[in-house]
PDB file of N, CA and C in Angstrom:
ATOM      1  N   MET A   1      89.705  29.067 113.962  1.00  0.00           N
ATOM      2  CA  MET A   1      90.497  29.795 113.595  1.00  0.00           C
ATOM      3  C   MET A   1      91.114  30.390 114.577  1.00  0.00           C
ATOM      4  N   GLY A   2      92.541  30.202 113.786  1.00  0.00           N
ATOM      5  CA  GLY A   2      93.000  31.069 114.541  1.00  0.00           C
ATOM      6  C   GLY A   2      93.646  32.245 114.741  1.00  0.00           C
ATOM      7  N   THR A   3      94.683  32.219 116.110  1.00  0.00           N
ATOM      8  CA  THR A   3      94.718  34.136 116.588  1.00  0.00           C
ATOM      9  C   THR A   3      96.619  33.667 115.668  1.00  0.00           C
ATOM     10  N   LEU A   4      96.918  35.196 115.625  1.00  0.00           N
ATOM     11  CA  LEU A   4      97.692  35.989 115.762  1.00  0.00           C
ATOM     12  C   LEU A   4      98.707  36.324 116.702  1.00  0.00           C
ATOM     13  N   SER A   5     100.387  36.529 116.651  1.00  0.00           N
ATOM     14  CA  SER A   5      99.879  35.964 117.732  1.00  0.00           C
ATOM     15  C   SER A   5     101.295  37.505 117.617  1.00  0.00           C
ATOM     16  N   MET A   6     101.876  37.595 117.971  1.00  0.00           N
ATOM     17  CA  MET A   6     102.770  39.154 117.608  1.00  0.00           C
ATOM     18  C   MET A   6     103.792  39.396 119.430  1.00  0.00           C
ATOM     19  N   PRO A   7     105.423  39.288 118.138  1.00  0.00           N
ATOM     20  CA  PRO A   7     106.079  39.799 120.075  1.00  0.00           C
ATOM     21  C   PRO A   7     105.459  41.183 120.314  1.00  0.00           C
ATOM     22  N   ILE A   8     105.907  40.822 122.071  1.00  0.00           N
ATOM     23  CA  ILE A   8     105.749  42.339 122.956  1.00  0.00           C
ATOM     24  C   ILE A   8     106.920  41.976 123.168  1.00  0.00           C
ATOM     25  N   ASP A   9     106.978  44.295 122.522  1.00  0.00           N
ATOM     26  CA  ASP A   9     107.997  44.236 123.157  1.00  0.00           C
ATOM     27  C   ASP A   9     108.113  45.485 124.678  1.00  0.00           C
ATOM     28  N   GLU A  10     108.876  45.183 125.313  1.00  0.00           N
ATOM     29  CA  GLU A  10     108.434  46.048 127.139  1.00  0.00           C
ATOM     30  C   GLU A  10     108.392  47.842 126.799  1.00  0.00           C
ATOM     31  N   ALA A  11     109.358  48.208 126.044  1.00  0.00           N
ATOM     32  CA  ALA A  11     109.639  48.962 125.673  1.00  0.00           C
ATOM     33  C   ALA A  11     108.826  49.633 124.872  1.00  0.00           C
ATOM     34  N   ALA A  12     107.972  49.430 124.103  1.00  0.00           N
ATOM     35  CA  ALA A  12     106.819  49.953 122.929  1.00  0.00           C
ATOM     36  C   ALA A  12     105.478  49.866 124.297  1.00  0.00           C
ATOM     37  N   GLU A  13     105.626  49.640 125.494  1.00  0.00           N
ATOM     38  CA  GLU A  13     104.283  49.568 125.627  1.00  0.00           C
ATOM     39  C   GLU A  13     104.213  50.428 126.937  1.00  0.00           C
ATOM     40  N   THR A  14     106.068  50.957 127.444  1.00  0.00           N
ATOM     41  CA  THR A  14     105.958  51.789 128.433  1.00  0.00           C
ATOM     42  C   THR A  14     106.381  53.565 127.495  1.00  0.00           C
ATOM     43  N   PRO A  15     105.690  54.882 128.441  1.00  0.00           N
ATOM     44  CA  PRO A  15     105.407  55.939 127.234  1.00  0.00           C
ATOM     45  C   PRO A  15     106.438  56.341 127.138  1.00  0.00           C
ATOM     46  N   LYS A  16     107.020  56.879 127.031  1.00  0.00           N
ATOM     47  CA  LYS A  16     108.569  57.299 127.160  1.00  0.00           C
ATOM     48  C   LYS A  16     108.154  58.904 127.025  1.00  0.00           C
ATOM     49  N   CYS A  17     108.837  59.302 128.632  1.00  0.00           N
ATOM     50  CA  CYS A  17     109.007  60.322 129.180  1.00  0.00           C
ATOM     51  C   CYS A  17     109.957  60.303 129.830  1.00  0.00           C
ATOM     52  N   SER A  18     110.418  61.926 130.323  1.00  0.00           N
ATOM     53  CA  SER A  18     111.072  61.059 131.132  1.00  0.00           C
ATOM     54  C   SER A  18     110.796  61.858 133.440  1.00  0.00           C
ATOM     55  N   PRO A  19     111.423  61.374 134.739  1.00  0.00           N
ATOM     56  CA  PRO A  19     110.406  60.467 135.121  1.00  0.00           C
ATOM     57  C   PRO A  19     110.013  61.526 135.945  1.00  0.00           C
ATOM     58  N   GLY A  20     110.153  63.473 135.513  1.00  0.00           N
ATOM     59  CA  GLY A  20     109.768  64.593 136.535  1.00  0.00           C
ATOM     60  C   GLY A  20     109.038  64.774 135.452  1.00  0.00           C
ATOM     61  N   THR A  21     108.009  64.144 134.572  1.00  0.00           N
ATOM     62  CA  THR A  21     106.996  64.766 134.488  1.00  0.00           C
ATOM     63  C   THR A  21     105.878  63.916 134.617  1.00  0.00           C
ATOM     64  N   SER A  22     104.543  64.904 134.136  1.00  0.00           N
ATOM     65  CA  SER A  22     103.743  63.583 135.080  1.00  0.00           C
ATOM     66  C   SER A  22     103.359  63.459 133.441  1.00  0.00           C
ATOM     67  N   ASN A  23     102.433  62.588 132.652  1.00  0.00           N
ATOM     68  CA  ASN A  23     100.783  62.070 132.022  1.00  0.00           C
ATOM     69  C   ASN A  23      99.427  62.455 132.558  1.00  0.00           C
ATOM     70  N   THR A  24      99.776  63.938 132.742  1.00  0.00           N
ATOM     71  CA  THR A  24      98.497  64.146 131.076  1.00  0.00           C
ATOM     72  C   THR A  24      99.021  64.870 130.839  1.00  0.00           C
ATOM     73  N   VAL A  25      97.293  64.887 129.736  1.00  0.00           N
ATOM     74  CA  VAL A  25      97.437  65.888 127.956  1.00  0.00           C
ATOM     75  C   VAL A  25      96.431  66.824 129.166  1.00  0.00           C
ATOM     76  N   SER A  26      97.131  68.291 128.611  1.00  0.00           N
ATOM     77  CA  SER A  26      96.176  69.224 128.604  1.00  0.00           C
ATOM     78  C   SER A  26      95.240  68.829 127.201  1.00  0.00           C
ATOM     79  N   PRO A  27      94.575  70.069 126.946  1.00  0.00           N
ATOM     80  CA  PRO A  27      94.047  69.999 125.296  1.00  0.00           C
ATOM     81  C   PRO A  27      94.176  71.287 124.510  1.00  0.00           C
ATOM     82  N   PHE A  28      95.790  71.548 125.449  1.00  0.00           N
ATOM     83  CA  PHE A  28      96.180  71.963 124.146  1.00  0.00           C
ATOM     84  C   PHE A  28      97.320  70.964 123.039  1.00  0.00           C
ATOM     85  N   ASP A  29      97.270  69.998 123.617  1.00  0.00           N
ATOM     86  CA  ASP A  29      98.582  69.600 123.417  1.00  0.00           C
ATOM     87  C   ASP A  29      97.344  67.973 121.923  1.00  0.00           C
ATOM     88  N   ILE A  30      96.378  67.827 122.801  1.00  0.00           N
ATOM     89  CA  ILE A  30      95.210  67.504 121.607  1.00  0.00           C
ATOM     90  C   ILE A  30      94.727  68.284 120.927  1.00  0.00           C
ATOM     91  N   SER A  31      94.191  69.155 120.329  1.00  0.00           N
ATOM     92  CA  SER A  31      93.752  70.628 119.715  1.00  0.00           C
ATOM     93  C   SER A  31      95.124  71.375 119.677  1.00  0.00           C
ATOM     94  N   PRO A  32      96.213  72.707 119.636  1.00  0.00           N
ATOM     95  CA  PRO A  32      96.116  73.859 119.672  1.00  0.00           C
ATOM     96  C   PRO A  32      95.513  74.745 119.899  1.00  0.00           C
ATOM     97  N   VAL A  33      95.943  76.458 120.384  1.00  0.00           N
ATOM     98  CA  VAL A  33      94.695  77.539 119.523  1.00  0.00           C
ATOM     99  C   VAL A  33      95.898  78.169 118.810  1.00  0.00           C
ATOM    100  N   PRO A  34      95.055  78.052 117.617  1.00  0.00           N
ATOM    101  CA  PRO A  34      94.666  78.519 116.276  1.00  0.00           C
ATOM    102  C   PRO A  34      95.348  79.754 116.162  1.00  0.00           C
ATOM    103  N   ASN A  35      96.036  80.659 115.389  1.00  0.00           N
ATOM    104  CA  ASN A  35      96.774  81.705 116.250  1.00  0.00           C
ATOM    105  C   ASN A  35      96.224  82.637 115.005  1.00  0.00           C
ATOM    106  N   ILE A  36      95.442  84.087 115.736  1.00  0.00           N
ATOM    107  CA  ILE A  36      94.649  84.595 115.517  1.00  0.00           C
ATOM    108  C   ILE A  36      95.285  86.129 114.606  1.00  0.00           C
ATOM    109  N   LYS A  37      95.703  86.137 113.209  1.00  0.00           N
ATOM    110  CA  LYS A  37      96.353  86.978 113.304  1.00  0.00           C
ATOM    111  C   LYS A  37      95.715  87.990 113.124  1.00  0.00           C
ATOM    112  N   LYS A  38      96.624  89.376 113.002  1.00  0.00           N
ATOM    113  CA  LYS A  38      96.275  90.902 113.534  1.00  0.00           C
ATOM    114  C   LYS A  38      95.217  91.478 112.101  1.00  0.00           C
ATOM    115  N   ARG A  39      94.018  91.879 112.765  1.00  0.00           N
ATOM    116  CA  ARG A  39      93.628  92.896 111.057  1.00  0.00           C
ATOM    117  C   ARG A  39      94.118  93.716 111.125  1.00  0.00           C
ATOM    118  N   THR A  40      94.583  94.116 109.678  1.00  0.00           N
ATOM    119  CA  THR A  40      94.152  94.644 108.488  1.00  0.00           C
ATOM    120  C   THR A  40      93.662  95.621 108.590  1.00  0.00           C
ATOM    121  N   THR A  41      93.448  96.799 108.683  1.00  0.00           N
ATOM    122  CA  THR A  41      93.044  98.168 107.864  1.00  0.00           C
ATOM    123  C   THR A  41      92.679  98.470 106.246  1.00  0.00           C
ATOM    124  N   ALA A  42      92.067  98.226 105.674  1.00  0.00           N
ATOM    125  CA  ALA A  42      91.345  98.428 104.906  1.00  0.00           C
ATOM    126  C   ALA A  42      90.873 100.473 104.148  1.00  0.00           C
ATOM    127  N   ARG A  43      90.855 101.004 105.064  1.00  0.00           N
ATOM    128  CA  ARG A  43      90.816 102.417 105.551  1.00  0.00           C
ATOM    129  C   ARG A  43      91.881 103.337 104.624  1.00  0.00           C
ATOM    130  N   GLY A  44      93.280 103.611 104.590  1.00  0.00           N
ATOM    131  CA  GLY A  44      93.868 103.428 103.932  1.00  0.00           C
ATOM    132  C   GLY A  44      94.506 105.608 104.162  1.00  0.00           C
ATOM    133  N   ARG A  45      94.090 105.818 105.323  1.00  0.00           N
ATOM    134  CA  ARG A  45      94.626 106.999 105.331  1.00  0.00           C
ATOM    135  C   ARG A  45      95.392 106.369 107.511  1.00  0.00           C
ATOM    136  N   LYS A  46      96.159 107.604 107.730  1.00  0.00           N
ATOM    137  CA  LYS A  46      97.232 107.386 108.487  1.00  0.00           C
ATOM    138  C   LYS A  46      96.387 107.784 110.066  1.00  0.00           C
ATOM    139  N   ALA A  47      97.149 107.581 111.421  1.00  0.00           N
ATOM    140  CA  ALA A  47      96.199 108.113 111.698  1.00  0.00           C
ATOM    141  C   ALA A  47      97.026 109.123 112.006  1.00  0.00           C
ATOM    142  N   THR A  48      96.173 109.918 112.709  1.00  0.00           N
ATOM    143  CA  THR A  48      97.309 110.759 113.582  1.00  0.00           C
ATOM    144  C   THR A  48      96.467 111.106 114.339  1.00  0.00           C
ATOM    145  N   ARG A  49      97.082 111.640 115.472  1.00  0.00           N
ATOM    146  CA  ARG A  49      96.873 112.337 116.792  1.00  0.00           C
ATOM    147  C   ARG A  49      95.590 113.834 116.881  1.00  0.00           C
ATOM    148  N   SER A  50      95.094 114.168 117.956  1.00  0.00           N
ATOM    149  CA  SER A  50      94.340 114.849 118.318  1.00  0.00           C
ATOM    150  C   SER A  50      95.138 116.300 118.212  1.00  0.00           C
ATOM    151  N   SER A  51      94.166 117.063 117.837  1.00  0.00           N
ATOM    152  CA  SER A  51      94.519 118.807 118.078  1.00  0.00           C
ATOM    153  C   SER A  51      94.034 119.654 117.615  1.00  0.00           C
ATOM    154  N   LEU A  52      93.995 120.914 117.795  1.00  0.00           N
ATOM    155  CA  LEU A  52      92.621 122.291 117.769  1.00  0.00           C
ATOM    156  C   LEU A  52      92.754 122.391 116.708  1.00  0.00           C
ATOM    157  N   ILE A  53      91.686 122.344 116.476  1.00  0.00           N
ATOM    158  CA  ILE A  53      91.669 122.169 115.124  1.00  0.00           C
ATOM    159  C   ILE A  53      90.956 124.237 114.745  1.00  0.00           C
ATOM    160  N   THR A  54      90.607 124.880 115.157  1.00  0.00           N
ATOM    161  CA  THR A  54      90.648 126.195 114.856  1.00  0.00           C
ATOM    162  C   THR A  54      92.217 126.789 115.299  1.00  0.00           C
ATOM    163  N   GLY A  55      92.888 126.140 115.706  1.00  0.00           N
ATOM    164  CA  GLY A  55      94.758 126.697 115.383  1.00  0.00           C
ATOM    165  C   GLY A  55      94.862 126.903 115.186  1.00  0.00           C
ATOM    166  N   SER A  56      96.210 128.077 114.308  1.00  0.00           N
ATOM    167  CA  SER A  56      96.227 128.734 112.949  1.00  0.00           C
ATOM    168  C   SER A  56      97.221 128.124 112.598  1.00  0.00           C
ATOM    169  N   PRO A  57      98.027 127.275 113.638  1.00  0.00           N
ATOM    170  CA  PRO A  57      98.906 126.200 112.778  1.00  0.00           C
ATOM    171  C   PRO A  57      98.315 125.079 112.090  1.00  0.00           C
ATOM    172  N   TYR A  58      98.091 124.974 112.825  1.00  0.00           N
ATOM    173  CA  TYR A  58      96.554 123.634 111.679  1.00  0.00           C
ATOM    174  C   TYR A  58      96.464 123.888 110.563  1.00  0.00           C
ATOM    175  N   LYS A  59      95.246 124.809 111.102  1.00  0.00           N
ATOM    176  CA  LYS A  59      94.560 125.230 109.580  1.00  0.00           C
ATOM    177  C   LYS A  59      94.731 125.714 109.232  1.00  0.00           C
ATOM    178  N   ASP A  60      96.631 125.944 108.796  1.00  0.00           N
ATOM    179  CA  ASP A  60      97.356 126.825 107.161  1.00  0.00           C
ATOM    180  C   ASP A  60      97.965 125.419 106.820  1.00  0.00           C
ATOM    181  N   GLN A  61      98.228 124.571 107.633  1.00  0.00           N
ATOM    182  CA  GLN A  61      98.717 123.099 107.468  1.00  0.00           C
ATOM    183  C   GLN A  61      97.550 122.787 106.353  1.00  0.00           C
ATOM    184  N   LEU A  62      96.105 122.872 107.173  1.00  0.00           N
ATOM    185  CA  LEU A  62      95.355 121.492 107.331  1.00  0.00           C
ATOM    186  C   LEU A  62      94.123 122.343 105.239  1.00  0.00           C
ATOM    187  N   THR A  63      94.979 123.657 105.169  1.00  0.00           N
ATOM    188  CA  THR A  63      94.253 123.498 104.253  1.00  0.00           C
ATOM    189  C   THR A  63      95.256 124.092 102.860  1.00  0.00           C
ATOM    190  N   GLU A  64      96.340 123.647 103.483  1.00  0.00           N
ATOM    191  CA  GLU A  64      97.224 123.619 102.180  1.00  0.00           C
ATOM    192  C   GLU A  64      97.148 121.878 101.894  1.00  0.00           C
ATOM    193  N   SER A  65      97.636 120.597 102.784  1.00  0.00           N
ATOM    194  CA  SER A  65      96.588 119.360 102.319  1.00  0.00           C
ATOM    195  C   SER A  65      95.873 119.382 101.234  1.00  0.00           C
ATOM    196  N   LEU A  66      94.473 119.957 101.948  1.00  0.00           N
ATOM    197  CA  LEU A  66      93.572 120.433 101.423  1.00  0.00           C
ATOM    198  C   LEU A  66      93.922 120.818  99.970  1.00  0.00           C
ATOM    199  N   GLU A  67      93.984 121.793  99.704  1.00  0.00           N
ATOM    200  CA  GLU A  67      94.137 121.966  98.412  1.00  0.00           C
ATOM    201  C   GLU A  67      95.685 121.206  97.359  1.00  0.00           C
ATOM    202  N   LYS A  68      96.148 120.722  98.320  1.00  0.00           N
ATOM    203  CA  LYS A  68      96.937 119.804  96.993  1.00  0.00           C
ATOM    204  C   LYS A  68      96.854 118.233  97.003  1.00  0.00           C
ATOM    205  N   SER A  69      95.835 118.203  97.555  1.00  0.00           N
ATOM    206  CA  SER A  69      94.797 116.578  97.494  1.00  0.00           C
ATOM    207  C   SER A  69      93.461 117.312  96.959  1.00  0.00           C
ATOM    208  N   ALA A  70      93.150 117.868  96.546  1.00  0.00           N
ATOM    209  CA  ALA A  70      91.309 117.752  95.991  1.00  0.00           C
ATOM    210  C   ALA A  70      92.221 118.760  94.381  1.00  0.00           C
ATOM    211  N   PRO A  71      91.223 117.576  93.611  1.00  0.00           N
ATOM    212  CA  PRO A  71      91.345 117.421  92.120  1.00  0.00           C
ATOM    213  C   PRO A  71      91.005 119.031  91.657  1.00  0.00           C
ATOM    214  N   LYS A  72      91.563 118.807  90.884  1.00  0.00           N
ATOM    215  CA  LYS A  72      91.248 120.001  90.804  1.00  0.00           C
ATOM    216  C   LYS A  72      89.807 120.635  89.035  1.00  0.00           C
ATOM    217  N   LYS A  73      89.405 121.232  89.822  1.00  0.00           N
ATOM    218  CA  LYS A  73      88.059 122.509  88.976  1.00  0.00           C
ATOM    219  C   LYS A  73      87.859 122.396  87.939  1.00  0.00           C
ATOM    220  N   THR A  74      87.241 121.519  86.741  1.00  0.00           N
ATOM    221  CA  THR A  74      87.916 122.063  85.419  1.00  0.00           C
ATOM    222  C   THR A  74      86.300 121.684  84.713  1.00  0.00           C
ATOM    223  N   SER A  75      86.063 123.264  84.300  1.00  0.00           N
ATOM    224  CA  SER A  75      85.014 123.528  83.941  1.00  0.00           C
ATOM    225  C   SER A  75      84.202 123.069  82.964  1.00  0.00           C
ATOM    226  N   LEU A  76      82.977 122.434  83.048  1.00  0.00           N
ATOM    227  CA  LEU A  76      82.895 121.231  82.449  1.00  0.00           C
ATOM    228  C   LEU A  76      81.739 122.456  81.064  1.00  0.00           C
ATOM    229  N   SER A  77      81.566 122.570  79.974  1.00  0.00           N
ATOM    230  CA  SER A  77      80.922 123.476  79.263  1.00  0.00           C
ATOM    231  C   SER A  77      80.165 122.466  78.463  1.00  0.00           C
ATOM    232  N   VAL A  78      78.599 123.351  79.105  1.00  0.00           N
ATOM    233  CA  VAL A  78      77.345 122.845  78.797  1.00  0.00           C
ATOM    234  C   VAL A  78      76.787 122.972  76.743  1.00  0.00           C
ATOM    235  N   PRO A  79      76.287 122.572  76.114  1.00  0.00           N
ATOM    236  CA  PRO A  79      77.129 122.897  74.934  1.00  0.00           C
ATOM    237  C   PRO A  79      75.715 123.602  75.033  1.00  0.00           C
ATOM    238  N   ARG A  80      74.916 125.087  74.382  1.00  0.00           N
ATOM    239  CA  ARG A  80      74.599 125.408  74.074  1.00  0.00           C
ATOM    240  C   ARG A  80      73.308 125.295  73.035  1.00  0.00           C
ATOM    241  N   VAL A  81      71.632 125.794  73.010  1.00  0.00           N
ATOM    242  CA  VAL A  81      71.410 124.981  72.185  1.00  0.00           C
ATOM    243  C   VAL A  81      71.080 125.382  70.809  1.00  0.00           C
ATOM    244  N   ARG A  82      72.316 126.348  70.584  1.00  0.00           N
ATOM    245  CA  ARG A  82      72.865 126.417  68.845  1.00  0.00           C
ATOM    246  C   ARG A  82      73.575 125.559  69.061  1.00  0.00           C
ATOM    247  N   ASP A  83      74.239 125.084  69.702  1.00  0.00           N
ATOM    248  CA  ASP A  83      75.772 124.435  69.597  1.00  0.00           C
ATOM    249  C   ASP A  83      74.789 122.648  68.958  1.00  0.00           C
ATOM    250  N   ARG A  84      73.882 121.990  70.250  1.00  0.00           N
ATOM    251  CA  ARG A  84      73.586 120.706  69.719  1.00  0.00           C
ATOM    252  C   ARG A  84      72.503 119.845  69.404  1.00  0.00           C
ATOM    253  N   PRO A  85      72.795 118.785  69.068  1.00  0.00           N
ATOM    254  CA  PRO A  85      71.815 118.234  67.715  1.00  0.00           C
ATOM    255  C   PRO A  85      70.798 118.552  67.192  1.00  0.00           C
ATOM    256  N   GLY A  86      70.256 119.297  66.040  1.00  0.00           N
ATOM    257  CA  GLY A  86      68.503 119.470  65.837  1.00  0.00           C
ATOM    258  C   GLY A  86      69.087 120.931  66.718  1.00  0.00           C
ATOM    259  N   GLY A  87      69.384 121.950  67.229  1.00  0.00           N
ATOM    260  CA  GLY A  87      68.945 122.124  67.547  1.00  0.00           C
ATOM    261  C   GLY A  87      68.863 123.899  66.859  1.00  0.00           C
ATOM    262  N   ARG A  88      67.889 125.217  67.410  1.00  0.00           N
ATOM    263  CA  ARG A  88      67.836 126.036  66.696  1.00  0.00           C
ATOM    264  C   ARG A  88      68.917 126.976  65.562  1.00  0.00           C
ATOM    265  N   GLY A  89      69.872 126.838  65.488  1.00  0.00           N
ATOM    266  CA  GLY A  89      70.849 127.709  65.189  1.00  0.00           C
ATOM    267  C   GLY A  89      71.279 127.022  63.841  1.00  0.00           C
ATOM    268  N   GLY A  90      71.526 127.743  63.141  1.00  0.00           N
ATOM    269  CA  GLY A  90      71.832 127.345  61.812  1.00  0.00           C
ATOM    270  C   GLY A  90      73.078 127.231  61.267  1.00  0.00           C
ATOM    271  N   LYS A  91      73.083 125.937  60.451  1.00  0.00           N
ATOM    272  CA  LYS A  91      74.455 125.540  60.837  1.00  0.00           C
ATOM    273  C   LYS A  91      75.658 126.836  59.776  1.00  0.00           C
ATOM    274  N   THR A  92      77.536 125.616  60.171  1.00  0.00           N
ATOM    275  CA  THR A  92      77.658 127.359  59.773  1.00  0.00           C
ATOM    276  C   THR A  92      79.292 126.594  58.951  1.00  0.00           C
ATOM    277  N   LYS A  93      80.020 126.964  57.905  1.00  0.00           N
ATOM    278  CA  LYS A  93      80.874 126.752  57.484  1.00  0.00           C
ATOM    279  C   LYS A  93      82.073 126.647  57.578  1.00  0.00           C
ATOM    280  N   GLY A  94      82.200 127.134  58.561  1.00  0.00           N
ATOM    281  CA  GLY A  94      82.749 128.245  59.865  1.00  0.00           C
ATOM    282  C   GLY A  94      83.213 129.835  58.411  1.00  0.00           C
ATOM    283  N   LEU A  95      84.633 130.073  58.825  1.00  0.00           N
ATOM    284  CA  LEU A  95      84.499 131.419  58.677  1.00  0.00           C
ATOM    285  C   LEU A  95      84.816 131.783  56.763  1.00  0.00           C
ATOM    286  N   GLN A  96      83.507 132.645  56.647  1.00  0.00           N
ATOM    287  CA  GLN A  96      83.637 132.673  55.500  1.00  0.00           C
ATOM    288  C   GLN A  96      84.177 134.612  54.440  1.00  0.00           C
ATOM    289  N   LYS A  97      84.953 134.001  53.640  1.00  0.00           N
ATOM    290  CA  LYS A  97      84.669 135.941  53.693  1.00  0.00           C
ATOM    291  C   LYS A  97      83.981 136.695  52.605  1.00  0.00           C
ATOM    292  N   LYS A  98      83.522 137.900  52.727  1.00  0.00           N
ATOM    293  CA  LYS A  98      82.656 138.379  51.548  1.00  0.00           C
ATOM    294  C   LYS A  98      83.212 138.889  50.843  1.00  0.00           C
ATOM    295  N   ARG A  99      82.409 138.789  49.816  1.00  0.00           N
ATOM    296  CA  ARG A  99      82.398 138.934  48.158  1.00  0.00           C
ATOM    297  C   ARG A  99      82.824 140.203  48.684  1.00  0.00           C
ATOM    298  N   LYS A 100      83.991 140.891  47.292  1.00  0.00           N
ATOM    299  CA  LYS A 100      82.229 142.472  47.356  1.00  0.00           C
ATOM    300  C   LYS A 100      82.079 142.696  46.056  1.00  0.00           C
ATOM    301  N   ILE A 101      81.648 143.314  45.436  1.00  0.00           N
ATOM    302  CA  ILE A 101      80.586 142.776  44.236  1.00  0.00           C
ATOM    303  C   ILE A 101      81.664 144.691  43.685  1.00  0.00           C
ATOM    304  N   ASP A 102      81.437 144.592  42.306  1.00  0.00           N
ATOM    305  CA  ASP A 102      81.759 145.662  42.355  1.00  0.00           C
ATOM    306  C   ASP A 102      81.102 146.317  41.141  1.00  0.00           C
TER     307      ASP A 102
END
């Protein structure tokens, strides 16, 4: 079997570095440090400064903001026994006029 001989370039064998740099390879050159993204919070509220809760200006502002953000309370009507299906009350057909018998 014959061996393949390739022409050897001397320029390909010598490293292409400037004369002032060293030939050391750092771990960061091989595997760079990954860029870690800053965590984003999903809390959905703004950061506020600490303040005196019992102070009247803050307390007034807090009560106003709570009133605005609180959902309106709607009265939920619970059907009475008469209005429930199968309840004790009799069914009515609406308002009926009484007939006058002469």
